[in-house]
């Protein structure tokens, strides 16, 4: 008997003397070929080699930006009427006047706060109109004020000879005196001699915790009395 669907079949035969035994011999059976054979494995295409771009340097050197050249700005010079001390008053114009100043002793001249320079001053162009002329000398504690009125085109000369006067201090109970920024000492004291002019005086008593500030005008050849009672008030 033949059995299909396996790799082999078994054939039963009877032969030889009757021994009561069946002889079984294997029989080779060719396998049925596969109706759908497997396709061949395709050969893979070679992988293309890609070269990466070069890496930037670890610490690149920065490129310095160009510095723009600044445009020069013309300096602004204020007009003469807006300048302050230590500046000249200005230049001559149709509405200007001319001022000359001399003083004895020598002083620094200021016109409306504008510095004209040390005396003597000759034909300085100044605006016409009303002005305040101040003569100052810090070393001599001089502060003299004069009032002027100048017309357009006028040439004016101011000759000032400063004379001296005496200041008497009558302070109760006592005080430290500072005259025109200079300490004079403690009262009672001798009269203080000063050039004619107007001065700032500071009267201070630390024990009473009092400070009084006053202006004193010194007139040539005349005594000036300053009386303050710090015990009041």
Protein backbone atom coordinates (compact mmCIF):
# COMPACT_ATOMS: atom_id res chain seq x y z
CA UNK A 1 0.00 0.00 0.00
CA UNK A 2 1.27 3.43 -0.92
CA UNK A 3 0.63 6.51 1.26
CA UNK A 4 1.20 9.92 -0.29
CA UNK A 5 1.89 13.28 1.44
CA UNK A 6 4.84 12.03 3.49
CA UNK A 7 8.51 11.76 2.89
CA UNK A 8 8.36 7.93 2.69
CA UNK A 9 5.86 5.05 2.33
CA UNK A 10 5.83 1.64 3.80
CA UNK A 11 5.08 -1.46 1.56
CA UNK A 12 3.81 -4.55 3.20
CA UNK A 13 4.87 -7.75 1.43
CA UNK A 14 4.49 -11.32 2.23
CA UNK A 15 7.17 -13.65 1.10
CA UNK A 16 9.06 -16.77 1.96
CA UNK A 17 7.79 -19.55 4.06
CA UNK A 18 4.71 -18.85 5.97
CA UNK A 19 6.06 -17.74 9.21
CA UNK A 20 3.13 -15.61 10.06
CA UNK A 21 5.28 -12.51 9.90
CA UNK A 22 4.75 -9.64 7.46
CA UNK A 23 7.89 -8.02 6.04
CA UNK A 24 7.78 -4.27 5.90
CA UNK A 25 10.19 -2.48 3.57
CA UNK A 26 10.50 1.22 3.26
CA UNK A 27 9.91 2.76 -0.13
CA UNK A 28 11.36 6.18 -1.07
CA UNK A 29 8.84 8.66 -2.37
CA UNK A 30 9.95 11.83 -4.14
CA UNK A 31 8.38 14.90 -2.49
CA UNK A 32 6.02 16.99 -4.49
CA UNK A 33 7.82 20.16 -5.61
CA UNK A 34 6.52 23.44 -4.14
CA UNK A 35 4.26 25.13 -6.60
CA UNK A 36 5.35 28.63 -5.40
CA UNK A 37 9.13 28.73 -4.92
CA UNK A 38 10.61 31.57 -2.78
CA UNK A 39 12.02 34.47 -4.79
CA UNK A 40 15.76 35.04 -4.61
CA UNK A 41 17.01 37.44 -1.91
CA UNK A 42 17.92 40.71 -3.60
CA UNK A 43 21.45 41.98 -3.20
CA UNK A 44 21.39 45.27 -1.18
CA UNK A 45 22.60 48.38 -2.94
CA UNK A 46 25.85 49.84 -1.58
CA UNK A 47 25.32 52.59 1.00
CA UNK A 48 26.54 55.94 -0.22
CA UNK A 49 29.11 57.59 2.03
CA UNK A 50 28.07 61.13 3.10
CA UNK A 51 30.83 63.48 4.19
CA UNK A 52 29.59 65.85 7.00
CA UNK A 53 30.31 69.61 6.63
CA UNK A 54 33.33 70.91 8.55
CA UNK A 55 32.63 71.99 12.14
CA UNK A 56 33.05 75.68 13.02
CA UNK A 57 36.00 76.53 15.30
CA UNK A 58 35.33 76.17 19.03
CA UNK A 59 36.06 79.82 19.79
CA UNK A 60 35.55 81.93 16.69
CA UNK A 61 37.33 85.26 16.73
CA UNK A 62 34.69 88.05 16.73
CA UNK A 63 34.97 90.63 14.03
CA UNK A 64 35.27 94.12 15.46
CA UNK A 65 32.48 96.41 14.32
CA UNK A 66 33.50 99.57 12.63
CA UNK A 67 33.20 102.59 14.93
CA UNK A 68 31.31 105.41 13.24
CA UNK A 69 33.11 108.72 13.18
CA UNK A 70 31.13 111.21 15.29
CA UNK A 71 29.99 114.35 13.58
CA UNK A 72 31.57 117.34 15.31
CA UNK A 73 29.03 119.58 17.00
CA UNK A 74 29.82 123.28 17.06
CA UNK A 75 30.17 124.61 20.58
CA UNK A 76 27.42 126.91 21.75
CA UNK A 77 28.49 130.26 23.13
CA UNK A 78 25.74 131.87 25.21
CA UNK A 79 24.99 135.53 24.66
CA UNK A 80 26.61 138.07 26.91
CA UNK A 81 23.44 138.66 28.92
CA UNK A 82 23.27 134.96 29.94
CA UNK A 83 26.86 134.47 31.07
CA UNK A 84 27.92 134.34 34.69
CA UNK A 85 30.99 135.16 36.68
CA UNK A 86 34.39 134.38 35.17
CA UNK A 87 33.12 135.14 31.64
CA UNK A 88 33.59 138.26 29.56
CA UNK A 89 30.41 140.27 28.96
CA UNK A 90 30.49 140.13 25.15
CA UNK A 91 31.44 142.07 22.04
CA UNK A 92 30.44 145.50 20.86
CA UNK A 93 27.25 146.05 18.88
CA UNK A 94 25.08 148.97 17.81
CA UNK A 95 23.33 148.92 21.22
CA UNK A 96 26.55 148.57 23.23
CA UNK A 97 28.27 150.99 25.52
CA UNK A 98 31.91 151.07 26.67
CA UNK A 99 32.97 150.90 30.31
CA UNK A 100 36.32 151.68 31.92
CA UNK A 101 36.94 150.91 35.61
CA UNK A 102 39.83 151.70 37.91
CA UNK A 103 40.04 151.08 41.65
CA UNK A 104 42.34 151.69 44.57
CA UNK A 105 43.26 149.12 45.82
CA UNK A 106 43.10 146.72 42.89
CA UNK A 107 39.94 144.61 42.70
CA UNK A 108 38.13 142.15 40.45
CA UNK A 109 35.25 143.81 38.60
CA UNK A 110 31.89 142.10 37.97
CA UNK A 111 29.10 143.64 35.90
CA UNK A 112 25.74 141.96 36.62
CA UNK A 113 27.69 138.87 37.71
CA UNK A 114 29.86 138.84 34.55
CA UNK A 115 33.58 138.90 35.22
CA UNK A 116 35.25 141.89 33.55
CA UNK A 117 38.66 141.01 34.97
CA UNK A 118 41.00 142.80 37.39
CA UNK A 119 41.16 146.58 37.43
CA UNK A 120 42.08 148.69 35.60
CA UNK A 121 39.65 147.91 32.75
CA UNK A 122 39.63 150.02 29.59
CA UNK A 123 36.77 150.37 27.09
CA UNK A 124 35.08 147.03 27.76
CA UNK A 125 32.03 146.63 25.44
CA UNK A 126 28.92 146.08 27.56
CA UNK A 127 25.17 146.17 26.80
CA UNK A 128 23.48 149.51 27.24
CA UNK A 129 21.05 149.84 30.11
CA UNK A 130 21.07 149.65 33.89
CA UNK A 131 23.79 147.56 35.54
CA UNK A 132 25.25 146.64 38.92
CA UNK A 133 29.03 146.94 39.18
CA UNK A 134 30.68 144.99 41.99
CA UNK A 135 34.33 145.28 42.98
CA UNK A 136 35.76 142.44 45.08
CA UNK A 137 39.06 141.55 46.71
CA UNK A 138 38.95 138.41 48.84
CA UNK A 139 42.33 139.01 50.47
CA UNK A 140 41.28 142.48 51.67
CA UNK A 141 37.63 141.48 52.28
CA UNK A 142 36.48 144.12 49.80
CA UNK A 143 32.97 144.03 48.38
CA UNK A 144 31.94 147.36 46.87
CA UNK A 145 28.77 147.87 44.79
CA UNK A 146 27.94 150.71 42.40
CA UNK A 147 24.87 151.16 40.16
CA UNK A 148 25.30 152.37 36.57
CA UNK A 149 23.00 153.46 33.74
CA UNK A 150 24.61 153.37 30.27
CA UNK A 151 23.23 154.63 26.95
CA UNK A 152 23.93 153.07 23.53
CA UNK A 153 27.28 154.29 22.22
CA UNK A 154 28.22 155.84 25.57
CA UNK A 155 31.77 155.59 26.95
CA UNK A 156 31.68 155.64 30.75
CA UNK A 157 34.56 155.67 33.21
CA UNK A 158 34.24 154.63 36.86
CA UNK A 159 37.15 155.62 39.13
CA UNK A 160 36.75 154.19 42.63
CA UNK A 161 39.10 154.97 45.48
CA UNK A 162 38.07 152.79 48.37
CA UNK A 163 38.62 154.20 51.82
CA UNK A 164 38.29 152.52 55.16
CA UNK A 165 35.86 152.62 58.03
CA UNK A 166 35.55 150.92 61.40
CA UNK A 167 33.00 148.35 62.64
CA UNK A 168 32.15 148.10 66.35
CA UNK A 169 30.57 144.91 67.69
CA UNK A 170 28.23 145.03 70.70
CA UNK A 171 27.08 141.44 71.24
CA UNK A 172 25.24 140.21 74.34
CA UNK A 173 26.39 138.05 76.06
CA UNK A 174 29.20 137.18 73.61
CA UNK A 175 29.74 135.62 70.17
CA UNK A 176 32.25 134.41 67.62
CA UNK A 177 32.40 136.84 64.69
CA UNK A 178 33.01 135.94 61.05
CA UNK A 179 33.38 138.99 58.81
CA UNK A 180 33.21 138.54 55.01
CA UNK A 181 34.13 134.87 55.43
CA UNK A 182 37.10 135.61 57.69
CA UNK A 183 36.98 134.65 61.41
CA UNK A 184 37.73 137.67 63.59
CA UNK A 185 37.54 135.99 67.01
CA UNK A 186 35.30 136.28 70.06
CA UNK A 187 33.66 139.38 71.48
CA UNK A 188 34.38 141.62 73.19
CA UNK A 189 36.98 142.76 70.63
CA UNK A 190 38.55 145.89 69.23
CA UNK A 191 36.87 147.66 66.29
CA UNK A 192 37.47 146.01 62.95
CA UNK A 193 38.84 148.17 60.10
CA UNK A 194 37.48 147.42 56.64
CA UNK A 195 37.24 149.06 53.24
CA UNK A 196 33.96 150.74 52.47
CA UNK A 197 31.37 148.36 51.10
CA UNK A 198 28.71 145.83 52.13
CA UNK A 199 29.73 142.65 53.97
CA UNK A 200 28.17 139.46 55.34
CA UNK A 201 28.64 138.97 59.09
CA UNK A 202 27.97 135.74 61.02
CA UNK A 203 27.40 135.99 64.81
CA UNK A 204 27.48 132.64 66.61
CA UNK A 205 27.16 131.59 70.26
CA UNK A 206 27.57 127.80 70.66
CA UNK A 207 26.50 127.87 74.33
CA UNK A 208 23.12 129.35 73.43
CA UNK A 209 22.99 127.37 70.18
CA UNK A 210 22.28 130.56 68.26
CA UNK A 211 23.51 131.86 64.91
CA UNK A 212 22.62 135.28 63.49
CA UNK A 213 23.52 136.43 59.97
CA UNK A 214 23.48 140.11 59.04
CA UNK A 215 24.71 142.46 56.33
CA UNK A 216 26.83 145.41 57.35
CA UNK A 217 27.60 148.47 55.22
CA UNK A 218 30.91 150.17 56.00
CA UNK A 219 31.20 153.86 55.15
CA UNK A 220 34.54 155.59 54.68
CA UNK A 221 35.61 157.62 57.70
CA UNK A 222 32.48 156.70 59.69
CA UNK A 223 31.96 154.20 62.51
CA UNK A 224 29.54 151.33 62.00
CA UNK A 225 27.91 149.69 65.05
CA UNK A 226 26.54 146.17 65.07
CA UNK A 227 24.39 145.43 68.15
CA UNK A 228 22.84 141.98 68.74
CA UNK A 229 21.26 140.59 71.91
CA UNK A 230 21.39 136.77 71.72
CA UNK A 231 19.60 136.34 75.07
CA UNK A 232 16.28 137.40 73.58
CA UNK A 233 13.93 134.94 71.97
